[in-house]
Amino acid sequence: MGGGHDEREQTLNQMLVEMDGFDPKASVLVIAATNRPDIL
């Protein structure tokens, strides 16, 4: 409700950058769990 400059959104943006910036040969896997995939 307060706009786009939310602390959670900054955290999410950084997570998106880190997951997309992996070295293709780096064997690092992210596993996530949620009860609400519809709100991701």
All heavy atoms as atom14 arrays in JSON, in Angstrom:
{
  "sequence": "MGGGHDEREQTLNQMLVEMDGFDPKASVLVIAATNRPDIL",
  "atom14_mask": [
    [1, 1, 1, 1, 1, 1, 1, 1, 0, 0, 0, 0, 0, 0],
    [1, 1, 1, 1, 0, 0, 0, 0, 0, 0, 0, 0, 0, 0],
    [1, 1, 1, 1, 0, 0, 0, 0, 0, 0, 0, 0, 0, 0],
    [1, 1, 1, 1, 0, 0, 0, 0, 0, 0, 0, 0, 0, 0],
    [1, 1, 1, 1, 1, 1, 1, 1, 1, 1, 0, 0, 0, 0],
    [1, 1, 1, 1, 1, 1, 1, 1, 0, 0, 0, 0, 0, 0],
    [1, 1, 1, 1, 1, 1, 1, 1, 1, 0, 0, 0, 0, 0],
    [1, 1, 1, 1, 1, 1, 1, 1, 1, 1, 1, 0, 0, 0],
    [1, 1, 1, 1, 1, 1, 1, 1, 1, 0, 0, 0, 0, 0],
    [1, 1, 1, 1, 1, 1, 1, 1, 1, 0, 0, 0, 0, 0],
    [1, 1, 1, 1, 1, 1, 1, 0, 0, 0, 0, 0, 0, 0],
    [1, 1, 1, 1, 1, 1, 1, 1, 0, 0, 0, 0, 0, 0],
    [1, 1, 1, 1, 1, 1, 1, 1, 0, 0, 0, 0, 0, 0],
    [1, 1, 1, 1, 1, 1, 1, 1, 1, 0, 0, 0, 0, 0],
    [1, 1, 1, 1, 1, 1, 1, 1, 0, 0, 0, 0, 0, 0],
    [1, 1, 1, 1, 1, 1, 1, 1, 0, 0, 0, 0, 0, 0],
    [1, 1, 1, 1, 1, 1, 1, 0, 0, 0, 0, 0, 0, 0],
    [1, 1, 1, 1, 1, 1, 1, 1, 1, 0, 0, 0, 0, 0],
    [1, 1, 1, 1, 1, 1, 1, 1, 0, 0, 0, 0, 0, 0],
    [1, 1, 1, 1, 1, 1, 1, 1, 0, 0, 0, 0, 0, 0],
    [1, 1, 1, 1, 0, 0, 0, 0, 0, 0, 0, 0, 0, 0],
    [1, 1, 1, 1, 1, 1, 1, 1, 1, 1, 1, 0, 0, 0],
    [1, 1, 1, 1, 1, 1, 1, 1, 0, 0, 0, 0, 0, 0],
    [1, 1, 1, 1, 1, 1, 1, 0, 0, 0, 0, 0, 0, 0],
    [1, 1, 1, 1, 1, 1, 1, 1, 1, 0, 0, 0, 0, 0],
    [1, 1, 1, 1, 1, 0, 0, 0, 0, 0, 0, 0, 0, 0],
    [1, 1, 1, 1, 1, 1, 0, 0, 0, 0, 0, 0, 0, 0],
    [1, 1, 1, 1, 1, 1, 1, 0, 0, 0, 0, 0, 0, 0],
    [1, 1, 1, 1, 1, 1, 1, 1, 0, 0, 0, 0, 0, 0],
    [1, 1, 1, 1, 1, 1, 1, 0, 0, 0, 0, 0, 0, 0],
    [1, 1, 1, 1, 1, 1, 1, 1, 0, 0, 0, 0, 0, 0],
    [1, 1, 1, 1, 1, 0, 0, 0, 0, 0, 0, 0, 0, 0],
    [1, 1, 1, 1, 1, 0, 0, 0, 0, 0, 0, 0, 0, 0],
    [1, 1, 1, 1, 1, 1, 1, 0, 0, 0, 0, 0, 0, 0],
    [1, 1, 1, 1, 1, 1, 1, 1, 0, 0, 0, 0, 0, 0],
    [1, 1, 1, 1, 1, 1, 1, 1, 1, 1, 1, 0, 0, 0],
    [1, 1, 1, 1, 1, 1, 1, 0, 0, 0, 0, 0, 0, 0],
    [1, 1, 1, 1, 1, 1, 1, 1, 0, 0, 0, 0, 0, 0],
    [1, 1, 1, 1, 1, 1, 1, 1, 0, 0, 0, 0, 0, 0],
    [1, 1, 1, 1, 1, 1, 1, 1, 0, 0, 0, 0, 0, 0]
  ],
  "atom14_positions": [
    [[0.81, -1.21, 0.0], [0.0, 0.0, 0.0], [0.85, 1.26, 0.0], [0.4, 2.33, -0.34], [-0.91, 0.0, 1.24], [-1.91, -1.14, 1.25], [-3.02, -1.09, -0.15], [-3.95, 0.38, 0.22], [0.0, 0.0, 0.0], [0.0, 0.0, 0.0], [0.0, 0.0, 0.0], [0.0, 0.0, 0.0], [0.0, 0.0, 0.0], [0.0, 0.0, 0.0]],
    [[2.15, 1.14, 0.37], [2.98, 2.33, 0.47], [3.8, 2.61, -0.77], [4.68, 3.45, -0.74], [0.0, 0.0, 0.0], [0.0, 0.0, 0.0], [0.0, 0.0, 0.0], [0.0, 0.0, 0.0], [0.0, 0.0, 0.0], [0.0, 0.0, 0.0], [0.0, 0.0, 0.0], [0.0, 0.0, 0.0], [0.0, 0.0, 0.0], [0.0, 0.0, 0.0]],
    [[3.56, 1.92, -1.86], [4.33, 2.16, -3.07], [5.35, 1.06, -3.31], [5.33, 0.02, -2.68], [0.0, 0.0, 0.0], [0.0, 0.0, 0.0], [0.0, 0.0, 0.0], [0.0, 0.0, 0.0], [0.0, 0.0, 0.0], [0.0, 0.0, 0.0], [0.0, 0.0, 0.0], [0.0, 0.0, 0.0], [0.0, 0.0, 0.0], [0.0, 0.0, 0.0]],
    [[6.27, 1.32, -4.23], [7.21, 0.29, -4.64], [8.5, 0.27, -3.85], [9.27, -0.66, -3.99], [0.0, 0.0, 0.0], [0.0, 0.0, 0.0], [0.0, 0.0, 0.0], [0.0, 0.0, 0.0], [0.0, 0.0, 0.0], [0.0, 0.0, 0.0], [0.0, 0.0, 0.0], [0.0, 0.0, 0.0], [0.0, 0.0, 0.0], [0.0, 0.0, 0.0]],
    [[8.79, 1.29, -3.06], [10.06, 1.35, -2.33], [9.89, 0.69, -0.97], [10.0, 1.32, 0.07], [10.53, 2.79, -2.18], [10.79, 3.46, -3.5], [11.9, 3.18, -4.25], [10.06, 4.35, -4.2], [11.87, 3.9, -5.37], [10.76, 4.6, -5.36], [0.0, 0.0, 0.0], [0.0, 0.0, 0.0], [0.0, 0.0, 0.0], [0.0, 0.0, 0.0]],
    [[9.61, -0.56, -0.99], [9.4, -1.31, 0.23], [10.65, -2.14, 0.51], [11.32, -2.61, -0.41], [8.17, -2.21, 0.07], [7.84, -2.94, 1.36], [7.34, -2.29, 2.29], [8.1, -4.15, 1.42], [0.0, 0.0, 0.0], [0.0, 0.0, 0.0], [0.0, 0.0, 0.0], [0.0, 0.0, 0.0], [0.0, 0.0, 0.0], [0.0, 0.0, 0.0]],
    [[10.94, -2.34, 1.8], [12.13, -3.1, 2.17], [12.06, -4.52, 1.62], [13.05, -5.09, 1.17], [12.27, -3.1, 3.69], [13.33, -4.05, 4.23], [14.75, -3.66, 3.84], [14.93, -2.56, 3.26], [15.67, -4.44, 4.07], [0.0, 0.0, 0.0], [0.0, 0.0, 0.0], [0.0, 0.0, 0.0], [0.0, 0.0, 0.0], [0.0, 0.0, 0.0]],
    [[10.87, -5.14, 1.65], [10.73, -6.49, 1.12], [11.01, -6.53, -0.39], [11.57, -7.5, -0.89], [9.33, -7.03, 1.41], [9.11, -7.42, 2.86], [7.72, -7.99, 3.08], [7.54, -8.46, 4.44], [7.21, -7.69, 5.46], [7.01, -6.4, 5.25], [7.06, -8.18, 6.67], [0.0, 0.0, 0.0], [0.0, 0.0, 0.0], [0.0, 0.0, 0.0]],
    [[10.59, -5.48, -1.08], [10.81, -5.46, -2.53], [12.29, -5.3, -2.85], [12.79, -5.88, -3.81], [9.99, -4.35, -3.17], [8.49, -4.58, -3.07], [7.7, -3.63, -3.95], [8.33, -2.85, -4.67], [6.46, -3.68, -3.89], [0.0, 0.0, 0.0], [0.0, 0.0, 0.0], [0.0, 0.0, 0.0], [0.0, 0.0, 0.0], [0.0, 0.0, 0.0]],
    [[13.01, -4.51, -2.05], [14.46, -4.41, -2.25], [15.13, -5.75, -2.02], [16.04, -6.15, -2.76], [15.05, -3.36, -1.31], [14.58, -1.93, -1.59], [15.3, -0.93, -0.72], [16.45, -1.12, -0.35], [14.63, 0.16, -0.39], [0.0, 0.0, 0.0], [0.0, 0.0, 0.0], [0.0, 0.0, 0.0], [0.0, 0.0, 0.0], [0.0, 0.0, 0.0]],
    [[14.69, -6.46, -0.99], [15.24, -7.79, -0.72], [14.93, -8.74, -1.86], [15.79, -9.53, -2.29], [14.67, -8.33, 0.6], [14.89, -7.37, 1.64], [15.32, -9.64, 0.97], [0.0, 0.0, 0.0], [0.0, 0.0, 0.0], [0.0, 0.0, 0.0], [0.0, 0.0, 0.0], [0.0, 0.0, 0.0], [0.0, 0.0, 0.0], [0.0, 0.0, 0.0]],
    [[13.69, -8.69, -2.36], [13.32, -9.55, -3.48], [14.12, -9.22, -4.73], [14.58, -10.12, -5.45], [11.82, -9.41, -3.76], [11.28, -10.12, -5.01], [11.54, -11.61, -4.92], [9.8, -9.83, -5.18], [0.0, 0.0, 0.0], [0.0, 0.0, 0.0], [0.0, 0.0, 0.0], [0.0, 0.0, 0.0], [0.0, 0.0, 0.0], [0.0, 0.0, 0.0]],
    [[14.32, -7.94, -5.0], [15.12, -7.55, -6.16], [16.53, -8.11, -6.08], [17.1, -8.59, -7.07], [15.16, -6.02, -6.28], [13.82, -5.43, -6.64], [12.97, -6.12, -7.2], [13.61, -4.17, -6.32], [0.0, 0.0, 0.0], [0.0, 0.0, 0.0], [0.0, 0.0, 0.0], [0.0, 0.0, 0.0], [0.0, 0.0, 0.0], [0.0, 0.0, 0.0]],
    [[17.12, -8.04, -4.9], [18.47, -8.57, -4.74], [18.48, -10.09, -4.93], [19.42, -10.65, -5.53], [19.01, -8.21, -3.36], [20.46, -8.61, -3.13], [21.4, -7.88, -4.08], [21.24, -6.68, -4.32], [22.36, -8.59, -4.64], [0.0, 0.0, 0.0], [0.0, 0.0, 0.0], [0.0, 0.0, 0.0], [0.0, 0.0, 0.0], [0.0, 0.0, 0.0]],
    [[17.45, -10.75, -4.46], [17.37, -12.2, -4.63], [17.24, -12.57, -6.11], [17.85, -13.54, -6.58], [16.18, -12.75, -3.84], [16.11, -14.27, -3.8], [14.73, -14.86, -2.81], [15.18, -14.19, -1.2], [0.0, 0.0, 0.0], [0.0, 0.0, 0.0], [0.0, 0.0, 0.0], [0.0, 0.0, 0.0], [0.0, 0.0, 0.0], [0.0, 0.0, 0.0]],
    [[16.45, -11.79, -6.84], [16.31, -12.04, -8.27], [17.64, -11.87, -8.99], [17.99, -12.66, -9.88], [15.26, -11.09, -8.86], [13.81, -11.27, -8.37], [12.92, -10.18, -8.95], [13.28, -12.63, -8.75], [0.0, 0.0, 0.0], [0.0, 0.0, 0.0], [0.0, 0.0, 0.0], [0.0, 0.0, 0.0], [0.0, 0.0, 0.0], [0.0, 0.0, 0.0]],
    [[18.38, -10.85, -8.62], [19.68, -10.6, -9.24], [20.65, -11.74, -8.93], [21.37, -12.23, -9.82], [20.25, -9.25, -8.77], [21.69, -9.09, -9.23], [19.4, -8.11, -9.29], [0.0, 0.0, 0.0], [0.0, 0.0, 0.0], [0.0, 0.0, 0.0], [0.0, 0.0, 0.0], [0.0, 0.0, 0.0], [0.0, 0.0, 0.0], [0.0, 0.0, 0.0]],
    [[20.67, -12.2, -7.68], [21.6, -13.25, -7.29], [21.28, -14.57, -7.99], [22.18, -15.29, -8.43], [21.58, -13.44, -5.77], [22.11, -12.26, -4.96], [23.61, -12.1, -5.12], [24.27, -13.05, -5.58], [24.13, -11.02, -4.79], [0.0, 0.0, 0.0], [0.0, 0.0, 0.0], [0.0, 0.0, 0.0], [0.0, 0.0, 0.0], [0.0, 0.0, 0.0]],
    [[19.99, -14.89, -8.09], [19.61, -16.16, -8.72], [19.88, -16.14, -10.22], [20.22, -17.16, -10.82], [18.14, -16.46, -8.47], [17.82, -16.78, -7.03], [16.11, -17.31, -6.81], [16.14, -18.89, -7.65], [0.0, 0.0, 0.0], [0.0, 0.0, 0.0], [0.0, 0.0, 0.0], [0.0, 0.0, 0.0], [0.0, 0.0, 0.0], [0.0, 0.0, 0.0]],
    [[19.75, -14.99, -10.83], [19.96, -14.89, -12.28], [21.44, -14.68, -12.6], [21.84, -14.86, -13.75], [19.13, -13.74, -12.85], [18.86, -13.94, -14.33], [18.91, -15.09, -14.78], [18.61, -12.95, -15.02], [0.0, 0.0, 0.0], [0.0, 0.0, 0.0], [0.0, 0.0, 0.0], [0.0, 0.0, 0.0], [0.0, 0.0, 0.0], [0.0, 0.0, 0.0]],
    [[22.24, -14.31, -11.6], [23.65, -14.01, -11.87], [24.59, -15.14, -11.55], [25.79, -14.94, -11.48], [0.0, 0.0, 0.0], [0.0, 0.0, 0.0], [0.0, 0.0, 0.0], [0.0, 0.0, 0.0], [0.0, 0.0, 0.0], [0.0, 0.0, 0.0], [0.0, 0.0, 0.0], [0.0, 0.0, 0.0], [0.0, 0.0, 0.0], [0.0, 0.0, 0.0]],
    [[24.06, -16.32, -11.33], [24.92, -17.46, -11.03], [25.81, -17.79, -12.22], [25.44, -17.63, -13.39], [24.07, -18.68, -10.72], [23.58, -18.74, -9.3], [22.68, -19.7, -8.91], [24.03, -17.85, -8.35], [22.23, -19.77, -7.61], [23.6, -17.9, -7.07], [22.68, -18.87, -6.68], [0.0, 0.0, 0.0], [0.0, 0.0, 0.0], [0.0, 0.0, 0.0]],
    [[26.97, -18.29, -11.89], [27.82, -18.89, -12.92], [27.14, -20.17, -13.4], [26.74, -21.0, -12.6], [29.18, -19.22, -12.3], [30.14, -19.82, -13.32], [29.74, -20.01, -14.48], [31.29, -20.12, -12.93], [0.0, 0.0, 0.0], [0.0, 0.0, 0.0], [0.0, 0.0, 0.0], [0.0, 0.0, 0.0], [0.0, 0.0, 0.0], [0.0, 0.0, 0.0]],
    [[26.97, -20.35, -14.71], [26.27, -21.55, -15.19], [26.89, -22.85, -14.7], [26.21, -23.86, -14.59], [26.37, -21.43, -16.72], [26.57, -19.97, -16.97], [27.36, -19.46, -15.81], [0.0, 0.0, 0.0], [0.0, 0.0, 0.0], [0.0, 0.0, 0.0], [0.0, 0.0, 0.0], [0.0, 0.0, 0.0], [0.0, 0.0, 0.0], [0.0, 0.0, 0.0]],
    [[28.2, -22.83, -14.39], [28.86, -24.04, -13.93], [28.92, -24.12, -12.41], [29.45, -25.09, -11.87], [30.27, -24.11, -14.51], [30.31, -24.22, -16.03], [31.72, -24.37, -16.54], [31.75, -24.49, -18.07], [33.12, -24.64, -18.59], [0.0, 0.0, 0.0], [0.0, 0.0, 0.0], [0.0, 0.0, 0.0], [0.0, 0.0, 0.0], [0.0, 0.0, 0.0]],
    [[28.44, -23.11, -11.72], [28.46, -23.12, -10.26], [27.32, -23.99, -9.75], [26.16, -23.75, -10.07], [28.34, -21.71, -9.71], [0.0, 0.0, 0.0], [0.0, 0.0, 0.0], [0.0, 0.0, 0.0], [0.0, 0.0, 0.0], [0.0, 0.0, 0.0], [0.0, 0.0, 0.0], [0.0, 0.0, 0.0], [0.0, 0.0, 0.0], [0.0, 0.0, 0.0]],
    [[27.65, -25.01, -8.98], [26.65, -25.96, -8.5], [26.03, -25.43, -7.2], [26.3, -25.93, -6.1], [27.29, -27.32, -8.28], [27.85, -27.8, -9.48], [0.0, 0.0, 0.0], [0.0, 0.0, 0.0], [0.0, 0.0, 0.0], [0.0, 0.0, 0.0], [0.0, 0.0, 0.0], [0.0, 0.0, 0.0], [0.0, 0.0, 0.0], [0.0, 0.0, 0.0]],
    [[25.23, -24.4, -7.34], [24.5, -23.84, -6.2], [23.02, -23.91, -6.53], [22.58, -23.4, -7.55], [24.92, -22.39, -5.9], [24.09, -21.84, -4.74], [26.4, -22.32, -5.57], [0.0, 0.0, 0.0], [0.0, 0.0, 0.0], [0.0, 0.0, 0.0], [0.0, 0.0, 0.0], [0.0, 0.0, 0.0], [0.0, 0.0, 0.0], [0.0, 0.0, 0.0]],
    [[22.26, -24.57, -5.68], [20.85, -24.8, -5.92], [20.03, -24.11, -4.83], [20.38, -24.18, -3.64], [20.55, -26.3, -5.93], [19.09, -26.7, -6.13], [18.64, -26.39, -7.54], [18.9, -28.18, -5.82], [0.0, 0.0, 0.0], [0.0, 0.0, 0.0], [0.0, 0.0, 0.0], [0.0, 0.0, 0.0], [0.0, 0.0, 0.0], [0.0, 0.0, 0.0]],
    [[18.96, -23.46, -5.22], [18.05, -22.81, -4.28], [16.77, -23.63, -4.21], [16.13, -23.89, -5.24], [17.73, -21.37, -4.71], [16.8, -20.72, -3.69], [19.0, -20.56, -4.83], [0.0, 0.0, 0.0], [0.0, 0.0, 0.0], [0.0, 0.0, 0.0], [0.0, 0.0, 0.0], [0.0, 0.0, 0.0], [0.0, 0.0, 0.0], [0.0, 0.0, 0.0]],
    [[16.41, -24.06, -3.01], [15.15, -24.76, -2.78], [14.3, -23.86, -1.88], [14.77, -23.36, -0.86], [15.37, -26.13, -2.1], [16.27, -27.0, -2.97], [14.04, -26.82, -1.86], [16.59, -28.35, -2.35], [0.0, 0.0, 0.0], [0.0, 0.0, 0.0], [0.0, 0.0, 0.0], [0.0, 0.0, 0.0], [0.0, 0.0, 0.0], [0.0, 0.0, 0.0]],
    [[13.07, -23.62, -2.28], [12.16, -22.77, -1.51], [10.86, -23.51, -1.27], [10.45, -24.37, -2.07], [11.9, -21.45, -2.23], [0.0, 0.0, 0.0], [0.0, 0.0, 0.0], [0.0, 0.0, 0.0], [0.0, 0.0, 0.0], [0.0, 0.0, 0.0], [0.0, 0.0, 0.0], [0.0, 0.0, 0.0], [0.0, 0.0, 0.0], [0.0, 0.0, 0.0]],
    [[10.21, -23.19, -0.18], [8.94, -23.8, 0.18], [7.93, -22.72, 0.5], [8.28, -21.69, 1.1], [9.11, -24.74, 1.38], [0.0, 0.0, 0.0], [0.0, 0.0, 0.0], [0.0, 0.0, 0.0], [0.0, 0.0, 0.0], [0.0, 0.0, 0.0], [0.0, 0.0, 0.0], [0.0, 0.0, 0.0], [0.0, 0.0, 0.0], [0.0, 0.0, 0.0]],
    [[6.68, -22.94, 0.09], [5.63, -21.97, 0.36], [4.28, -22.66, 0.33], [4.11, -23.7, -0.33], [5.64, -20.83, -0.68], [4.6, -19.9, -0.38], [5.42, -21.36, -2.08], [0.0, 0.0, 0.0], [0.0, 0.0, 0.0], [0.0, 0.0, 0.0], [0.0, 0.0, 0.0], [0.0, 0.0, 0.0], [0.0, 0.0, 0.0], [0.0, 0.0, 0.0]],
    [[3.33, -22.08, 1.06], [1.94, -22.54, 1.01], [1.11, -21.71, 0.04], [-0.02, -22.08, -0.25], [1.3, -22.44, 2.41], [2.08, -23.19, 3.45], [2.68, -24.22, 3.17], [2.08, -22.69, 4.68], [0.0, 0.0, 0.0], [0.0, 0.0, 0.0], [0.0, 0.0, 0.0], [0.0, 0.0, 0.0], [0.0, 0.0, 0.0], [0.0, 0.0, 0.0]],
    [[1.65, -20.57, -0.41], [0.89, -19.65, -1.26], [1.68, -19.32, -2.52], [2.23, -18.23, -2.65], [0.58, -18.36, -0.48], [-0.31, -18.52, 0.73], [-1.73, -18.82, 0.31], [-2.25, -17.85, -0.63], [-2.79, -16.68, -0.27], [-2.87, -16.36, 0.98], [-3.27, -15.86, -1.19], [0.0, 0.0, 0.0], [0.0, 0.0, 0.0], [0.0, 0.0, 0.0]],
    [[1.76, -20.23, -3.48], [2.49, -19.89, -4.72], [1.77, -18.84, -5.55], [2.38, -18.21, -6.41], [2.55, -21.24, -5.46], [1.39, -22.01, -4.95], [1.22, -21.6, -3.51], [0.0, 0.0, 0.0], [0.0, 0.0, 0.0], [0.0, 0.0, 0.0], [0.0, 0.0, 0.0], [0.0, 0.0, 0.0], [0.0, 0.0, 0.0], [0.0, 0.0, 0.0]],
    [[0.47, -18.63, -5.3], [-0.3, -17.68, -6.11], [0.09, -16.24, -5.84], [-0.19, -15.37, -6.68], [-1.8, -17.87, -5.86], [-2.14, -17.77, -4.38], [-1.51, -18.46, -3.58], [-3.06, -16.99, -4.04], [0.0, 0.0, 0.0], [0.0, 0.0, 0.0], [0.0, 0.0, 0.0], [0.0, 0.0, 0.0], [0.0, 0.0, 0.0], [0.0, 0.0, 0.0]],
    [[0.73, -15.95, -4.69], [1.07, -14.56, -4.38], [2.54, -14.25, -4.64], [2.99, -13.15, -4.37], [0.72, -14.23, -2.92], [1.58, -15.05, -1.95], [-0.75, -14.45, -2.65], [1.38, -14.67, -0.5], [0.0, 0.0, 0.0], [0.0, 0.0, 0.0], [0.0, 0.0, 0.0], [0.0, 0.0, 0.0], [0.0, 0.0, 0.0], [0.0, 0.0, 0.0]],
    [[3.29, -15.21, -5.16], [4.7, -14.96, -5.43], [4.86, -14.11, -6.68], [4.02, -14.13, -7.59], [5.45, -16.29, -5.6], [5.56, -17.18, -4.37], [6.34, -18.43, -4.7], [6.19, -16.44, -3.21], [0.0, 0.0, 0.0], [0.0, 0.0, 0.0], [0.0, 0.0, 0.0], [0.0, 0.0, 0.0], [0.0, 0.0, 0.0], [0.0, 0.0, 0.0]]
  ]
}
